């Protein structure tokens, strides 16, 4: 497939970045969208706009189960509202565990798992100013590692796996585009 045809295909695709918290889904998603000239959506930001408060506040007030129902509804509606257009969307760490979200994503686009090791994740979470709701419960490296292992069963269902490397964001994005191209060429 020549580069011109591949670029046309990429502009019409829907890309979903999935994976554990602190793997850079939003940061890389923005860069990926910019490089592909596609709109970018962050599912967590979309949810916060819809619910009128932060995810942390919502978790505290209503709990994780109610949040997951709202998350499902908002993500599915956002995907369905953008049927014919290409875009890049980063998903919260638990969103891809939802069977309905996962099935829709895999039927309309390409899911990309950003796989990070626990050391990278733990260090990023420690340095982060933003405290994620689940870090209140999963507040040690051991607890985070168990949660990560449990979630990997779902993340492995993604179309493309990209192992995070300690490198620049631009190089990481280029690696992802290469993996996407390999996947599209393999799929055709």
C-alpha atoms as a PDB file:
ATOM      1  CA  UNK A   1       0.000   0.000   0.000  1.00  0.00           C
ATOM      2  CA  UNK A   2       1.480   3.340  -0.953  1.00  0.00           C
ATOM      3  CA  UNK A   3       1.859   6.217   1.493  1.00  0.00           C
ATOM      4  CA  UNK A   4      -0.910   8.363  -0.091  1.00  0.00           C
ATOM      5  CA  UNK A   5      -3.509   5.579   0.266  1.00  0.00           C
ATOM      6  CA  UNK A   6      -2.333   4.843   3.795  1.00  0.00           C
ATOM      7  CA  UNK A   7      -2.703   8.515   4.760  1.00  0.00           C
ATOM      8  CA  UNK A   8      -6.274   8.517   3.381  1.00  0.00           C
ATOM      9  CA  UNK A   9      -7.095   5.430   5.449  1.00  0.00           C
ATOM     10  CA  UNK A  10      -5.567   6.913   8.606  1.00  0.00           C
ATOM     11  CA  UNK A  11      -7.624  10.126   8.244  1.00  0.00           C
ATOM     12  CA  UNK A  12     -10.848   8.090   8.220  1.00  0.00           C
ATOM     13  CA  UNK A  13      -9.954   5.789  11.104  1.00  0.00           C
ATOM     14  CA  UNK A  14     -10.994   6.030  14.714  1.00  0.00           C
ATOM     15  CA  UNK A  15      -8.140   5.383  17.118  1.00  0.00           C
ATOM     16  CA  UNK A  16      -8.660   4.545  20.781  1.00  0.00           C
ATOM     17  CA  UNK A  17      -5.785   4.666  23.247  1.00  0.00           C
ATOM     18  CA  UNK A  18      -6.372   2.239  26.096  1.00  0.00           C
ATOM     19  CA  UNK A  19      -4.304   1.122  29.045  1.00  0.00           C
ATOM     20  CA  UNK A  20      -3.570   1.666  32.690  1.00  0.00           C
ATOM     21  CA  UNK A  21      -3.521   5.062  34.360  1.00  0.00           C
ATOM     22  CA  UNK A  22      -0.353   7.136  33.903  1.00  0.00           C
ATOM     23  CA  UNK A  23       0.697   5.444  30.659  1.00  0.00           C
ATOM     24  CA  UNK A  24       0.437   8.709  28.700  1.00  0.00           C
ATOM     25  CA  UNK A  25      -2.771   8.036  26.789  1.00  0.00           C
ATOM     26  CA  UNK A  26      -3.857  11.688  26.783  1.00  0.00           C
ATOM     27  CA  UNK A  27      -0.422  13.150  26.063  1.00  0.00           C
ATOM     28  CA  UNK A  28       0.327  10.680  23.276  1.00  0.00           C
ATOM     29  CA  UNK A  29      -3.261  10.893  22.005  1.00  0.00           C
ATOM     30  CA  UNK A  30      -2.955  14.636  21.468  1.00  0.00           C
ATOM     31  CA  UNK A  31       0.311  14.181  19.570  1.00  0.00           C
ATOM     32  CA  UNK A  32      -1.104  11.330  17.507  1.00  0.00           C
ATOM     33  CA  UNK A  33      -4.167  13.390  16.585  1.00  0.00           C
ATOM     34  CA  UNK A  34      -1.972  16.329  15.643  1.00  0.00           C
ATOM     35  CA  UNK A  35       0.303  14.195  13.446  1.00  0.00           C
ATOM     36  CA  UNK A  36      -2.695  12.625  11.689  1.00  0.00           C
ATOM     37  CA  UNK A  37      -4.666  15.916  11.478  1.00  0.00           C
ATOM     38  CA  UNK A  38      -7.565  14.386  13.389  1.00  0.00           C
ATOM     39  CA  UNK A  39      -9.704  15.701  16.241  1.00  0.00           C
ATOM     40  CA  UNK A  40      -8.776  14.510  19.726  1.00  0.00           C
ATOM     41  CA  UNK A  41     -11.137  13.535  22.546  1.00  0.00           C
ATOM     42  CA  UNK A  42     -10.192  12.656  26.100  1.00  0.00           C
ATOM     43  CA  UNK A  43     -12.957  10.493  27.573  1.00  0.00           C
ATOM     44  CA  UNK A  44     -12.260  11.760  31.102  1.00  0.00           C
ATOM     45  CA  UNK A  45     -12.665  15.404  29.978  1.00  0.00           C
ATOM     46  CA  UNK A  46     -15.837  14.524  28.058  1.00  0.00           C
ATOM     47  CA  UNK A  47     -17.220  12.888  31.206  1.00  0.00           C
ATOM     48  CA  UNK A  48     -16.324  15.858  33.426  1.00  0.00           C
ATOM     49  CA  UNK A  49     -18.075  18.261  31.049  1.00  0.00           C
ATOM     50  CA  UNK A  50     -21.174  16.046  30.983  1.00  0.00           C
ATOM     51  CA  UNK A  51     -21.391  15.514  34.765  1.00  0.00           C
ATOM     52  CA  UNK A  52     -20.420  19.072  35.681  1.00  0.00           C
ATOM     53  CA  UNK A  53     -17.694  18.157  38.166  1.00  0.00           C
ATOM     54  CA  UNK A  54     -14.376  16.347  38.401  1.00  0.00           C
ATOM     55  CA  UNK A  55     -14.226  12.573  38.236  1.00  0.00           C
ATOM     56  CA  UNK A  56     -12.717  12.606  41.735  1.00  0.00           C
ATOM     57  CA  UNK A  57     -15.733  14.517  43.080  1.00  0.00           C
ATOM     58  CA  UNK A  58     -18.136  12.169  41.310  1.00  0.00           C
ATOM     59  CA  UNK A  59     -16.327   9.104  42.689  1.00  0.00           C
ATOM     60  CA  UNK A  60     -16.540  10.495  46.234  1.00  0.00           C
ATOM     61  CA  UNK A  61     -20.216  11.370  45.959  1.00  0.00           C
ATOM     62  CA  UNK A  62     -21.591   8.393  43.987  1.00  0.00           C
ATOM     63  CA  UNK A  63     -18.922   5.682  44.003  1.00  0.00           C
ATOM     64  CA  UNK A  64     -17.147   3.746  41.271  1.00  0.00           C
ATOM     65  CA  UNK A  65     -20.125   1.634  40.122  1.00  0.00           C
ATOM     66  CA  UNK A  66     -22.280   4.666  39.330  1.00  0.00           C
ATOM     67  CA  UNK A  67     -19.294   6.343  37.651  1.00  0.00           C
ATOM     68  CA  UNK A  68     -18.747   3.311  35.389  1.00  0.00           C
ATOM     69  CA  UNK A  69     -22.373   3.489  34.192  1.00  0.00           C
ATOM     70  CA  UNK A  70     -22.017   7.191  33.369  1.00  0.00           C
ATOM     71  CA  UNK A  71     -18.633   6.541  31.732  1.00  0.00           C
ATOM     72  CA  UNK A  72     -20.140   3.841  29.500  1.00  0.00           C
ATOM     73  CA  UNK A  73     -23.019   6.030  28.383  1.00  0.00           C
ATOM     74  CA  UNK A  74     -20.880   9.081  27.596  1.00  0.00           C
ATOM     75  CA  UNK A  75     -18.160   7.172  25.733  1.00  0.00           C
ATOM     76  CA  UNK A  76     -20.620   5.152  23.653  1.00  0.00           C
ATOM     77  CA  UNK A  77     -22.603   8.283  22.764  1.00  0.00           C
ATOM     78  CA  UNK A  78     -19.421  10.170  21.807  1.00  0.00           C
ATOM     79  CA  UNK A  79     -18.313   7.339  19.525  1.00  0.00           C
ATOM     80  CA  UNK A  80     -21.733   7.000  17.902  1.00  0.00           C
ATOM     81  CA  UNK A  81     -22.032  10.775  17.401  1.00  0.00           C
ATOM     82  CA  UNK A  82     -18.838  10.703  15.324  1.00  0.00           C
ATOM     83  CA  UNK A  83     -19.803   7.816  13.012  1.00  0.00           C
ATOM     84  CA  UNK A  84     -18.246   8.849   9.724  1.00  0.00           C
ATOM     85  CA  UNK A  85     -15.309  10.941  10.863  1.00  0.00           C
ATOM     86  CA  UNK A  86     -11.865   9.876  11.963  1.00  0.00           C
ATOM     87  CA  UNK A  87     -10.617  10.876  15.411  1.00  0.00           C
ATOM     88  CA  UNK A  88      -8.320   9.894  18.266  1.00  0.00           C
ATOM     89  CA  UNK A  89      -9.741   9.206  21.725  1.00  0.00           C
ATOM     90  CA  UNK A  90      -7.915   8.438  24.943  1.00  0.00           C
ATOM     91  CA  UNK A  91      -9.870   6.406  27.462  1.00  0.00           C
ATOM     92  CA  UNK A  92      -9.685   6.317  31.221  1.00  0.00           C
ATOM     93  CA  UNK A  93      -7.833   3.303  32.608  1.00  0.00           C
ATOM     94  CA  UNK A  94     -10.983   1.347  33.459  1.00  0.00           C
ATOM     95  CA  UNK A  95     -13.108   2.162  30.410  1.00  0.00           C
ATOM     96  CA  UNK A  96     -11.807  -0.615  28.149  1.00  0.00           C
ATOM     97  CA  UNK A  97     -12.735  -3.195  30.775  1.00  0.00           C
ATOM     98  CA  UNK A  98     -16.381  -2.484  29.943  1.00  0.00           C
ATOM     99  CA  UNK A  99     -17.546  -5.111  27.442  1.00  0.00           C
ATOM    100  CA  UNK A 100     -19.965  -2.752  25.650  1.00  0.00           C
ATOM    101  CA  UNK A 101     -17.324  -0.057  25.192  1.00  0.00           C
ATOM    102  CA  UNK A 102     -14.694  -2.589  24.113  1.00  0.00           C
ATOM    103  CA  UNK A 103     -16.974  -4.243  21.541  1.00  0.00           C
ATOM    104  CA  UNK A 104     -18.037  -0.907  20.048  1.00  0.00           C
ATOM    105  CA  UNK A 105     -14.446   0.332  19.847  1.00  0.00           C
ATOM    106  CA  UNK A 106     -13.267  -2.846  18.163  1.00  0.00           C
ATOM    107  CA  UNK A 107     -16.140  -2.721  15.658  1.00  0.00           C
ATOM    108  CA  UNK A 108     -15.621   0.911  14.567  1.00  0.00           C
ATOM    109  CA  UNK A 109     -11.922   1.569  14.996  1.00  0.00           C
ATOM    110  CA  UNK A 110      -8.485   0.515  16.127  1.00  0.00           C
ATOM    111  CA  UNK A 111      -7.695   0.039  19.798  1.00  0.00           C
ATOM    112  CA  UNK A 112      -4.112   0.754  20.849  1.00  0.00           C
ATOM    113  CA  UNK A 113      -2.900  -0.536  24.194  1.00  0.00           C
ATOM    114  CA  UNK A 114      -0.174   1.598  25.759  1.00  0.00           C
ATOM    115  CA  UNK A 115       1.509  -0.980  27.950  1.00  0.00           C
ATOM    116  CA  UNK A 116       3.674   0.393  30.735  1.00  0.00           C
ATOM    117  CA  UNK A 117       5.572  -1.455  33.400  1.00  0.00           C
ATOM    118  CA  UNK A 118       4.692  -0.905  37.028  1.00  0.00           C
ATOM    119  CA  UNK A 119       7.887   1.038  37.816  1.00  0.00           C
ATOM    120  CA  UNK A 120       7.146   3.693  35.171  1.00  0.00           C
ATOM    121  CA  UNK A 121       3.493   3.886  36.213  1.00  0.00           C
ATOM    122  CA  UNK A 122       4.201   4.073  39.935  1.00  0.00           C
ATOM    123  CA  UNK A 123       6.829   6.805  39.511  1.00  0.00           C
ATOM    124  CA  UNK A 124       4.525   8.863  37.277  1.00  0.00           C
ATOM    125  CA  UNK A 125       1.669   8.567  39.767  1.00  0.00           C
ATOM    126  CA  UNK A 126       3.917   9.624  42.656  1.00  0.00           C
ATOM    127  CA  UNK A 127       5.070  12.720  40.747  1.00  0.00           C
ATOM    128  CA  UNK A 128       1.634  13.644  39.405  1.00  0.00           C
ATOM    129  CA  UNK A 129      -0.198  16.646  40.825  1.00  0.00           C
ATOM    130  CA  UNK A 130      -3.482  15.050  39.747  1.00  0.00           C
ATOM    131  CA  UNK A 131      -4.572  12.313  42.135  1.00  0.00           C
ATOM    132  CA  UNK A 132      -6.719   9.689  40.449  1.00  0.00           C
ATOM    133  CA  UNK A 133      -9.669   8.279  42.415  1.00  0.00           C
ATOM    134  CA  UNK A 134      -8.367   4.706  42.443  1.00  0.00           C
ATOM    135  CA  UNK A 135      -5.026   5.752  43.931  1.00  0.00           C
ATOM    136  CA  UNK A 136      -6.802   6.244  47.257  1.00  0.00           C
ATOM    137  CA  UNK A 137      -7.468   2.497  47.420  1.00  0.00           C
ATOM    138  CA  UNK A 138      -4.518   1.313  45.357  1.00  0.00           C
ATOM    139  CA  UNK A 139      -2.001   3.390  47.266  1.00  0.00           C
ATOM    140  CA  UNK A 140       1.041   1.109  47.234  1.00  0.00           C
ATOM    141  CA  UNK A 141       3.128  -0.221  44.394  1.00  0.00           C
ATOM    142  CA  UNK A 142       2.023  -3.777  45.236  1.00  0.00           C
ATOM    143  CA  UNK A 143      -1.697  -2.896  45.118  1.00  0.00           C
ATOM    144  CA  UNK A 144      -1.241  -1.008  41.837  1.00  0.00           C
ATOM    145  CA  UNK A 145       0.653  -3.937  40.358  1.00  0.00           C
ATOM    146  CA  UNK A 146      -2.190  -6.329  41.237  1.00  0.00           C
ATOM    147  CA  UNK A 147      -4.748  -3.974  39.652  1.00  0.00           C
ATOM    148  CA  UNK A 148      -2.560  -3.670  36.559  1.00  0.00           C
ATOM    149  CA  UNK A 149      -2.265  -7.471  36.240  1.00  0.00           C
ATOM    150  CA  UNK A 150      -6.044  -7.861  36.608  1.00  0.00           C
ATOM    151  CA  UNK A 151      -6.684  -5.267  33.916  1.00  0.00           C
ATOM    152  CA  UNK A 152      -4.097  -6.646  31.493  1.00  0.00           C
ATOM    153  CA  UNK A 153      -6.531  -9.465  30.674  1.00  0.00           C
ATOM    154  CA  UNK A 154      -8.729  -6.815  29.032  1.00  0.00           C
ATOM    155  CA  UNK A 155      -6.015  -4.557  27.620  1.00  0.00           C
ATOM    156  CA  UNK A 156      -4.583  -7.559  25.741  1.00  0.00           C
ATOM    157  CA  UNK A 157      -7.761  -7.613  23.640  1.00  0.00           C
ATOM    158  CA  UNK A 158      -6.693  -4.377  21.926  1.00  0.00           C
ATOM    159  CA  UNK A 159      -5.797  -4.508  18.229  1.00  0.00           C
ATOM    160  CA  UNK A 160      -2.330  -3.024  18.704  1.00  0.00           C
ATOM    161  CA  UNK A 161       0.075  -3.268  21.640  1.00  0.00           C
ATOM    162  CA  UNK A 162       2.745  -0.649  22.164  1.00  0.00           C
ATOM    163  CA  UNK A 163       5.225  -1.100  24.993  1.00  0.00           C
ATOM    164  CA  UNK A 164       6.188   2.238  26.491  1.00  0.00           C
ATOM    165  CA  UNK A 165       9.800   3.230  26.253  1.00  0.00           C
ATOM    166  CA  UNK A 166      11.740   5.962  27.979  1.00  0.00           C
ATOM    167  CA  UNK A 167      12.028   8.261  24.991  1.00  0.00           C
ATOM    168  CA  UNK A 168      10.629  11.526  23.698  1.00  0.00           C
ATOM    169  CA  UNK A 169       6.882  11.903  23.181  1.00  0.00           C
ATOM    170  CA  UNK A 170       7.469  12.453  19.455  1.00  0.00           C
ATOM    171  CA  UNK A 171       9.470   9.225  19.130  1.00  0.00           C
ATOM    172  CA  UNK A 172       6.829   7.337  21.099  1.00  0.00           C
ATOM    173  CA  UNK A 173       4.134   8.709  18.787  1.00  0.00           C
ATOM    174  CA  UNK A 174       6.171   7.686  15.727  1.00  0.00           C
ATOM    175  CA  UNK A 175       6.446   4.152  17.165  1.00  0.00           C
ATOM    176  CA  UNK A 176       2.662   4.052  17.571  1.00  0.00           C
ATOM    177  CA  UNK A 177       2.070   5.220  13.990  1.00  0.00           C
ATOM    178  CA  UNK A 178       4.458   2.522  12.751  1.00  0.00           C
ATOM    179  CA  UNK A 179       2.553  -0.126  14.750  1.00  0.00           C
ATOM    180  CA  UNK A 180      -0.778   1.166  13.400  1.00  0.00           C
ATOM    181  CA  UNK A 181       0.560   0.969   9.840  1.00  0.00           C
ATOM    182  CA  UNK A 182       1.771  -2.585  10.442  1.00  0.00           C
ATOM    183  CA  UNK A 183      -1.647  -3.528  11.820  1.00  0.00           C
ATOM    184  CA  UNK A 184      -3.532  -1.962   8.890  1.00  0.00           C
ATOM    185  CA  UNK A 185      -1.241  -3.624   6.340  1.00  0.00           C
ATOM    186  CA  UNK A 186      -1.620  -6.971   8.116  1.00  0.00           C
ATOM    187  CA  UNK A 187      -5.419  -6.582   8.303  1.00  0.00           C
ATOM    188  CA  UNK A 188      -5.821  -5.768   4.583  1.00  0.00           C
END
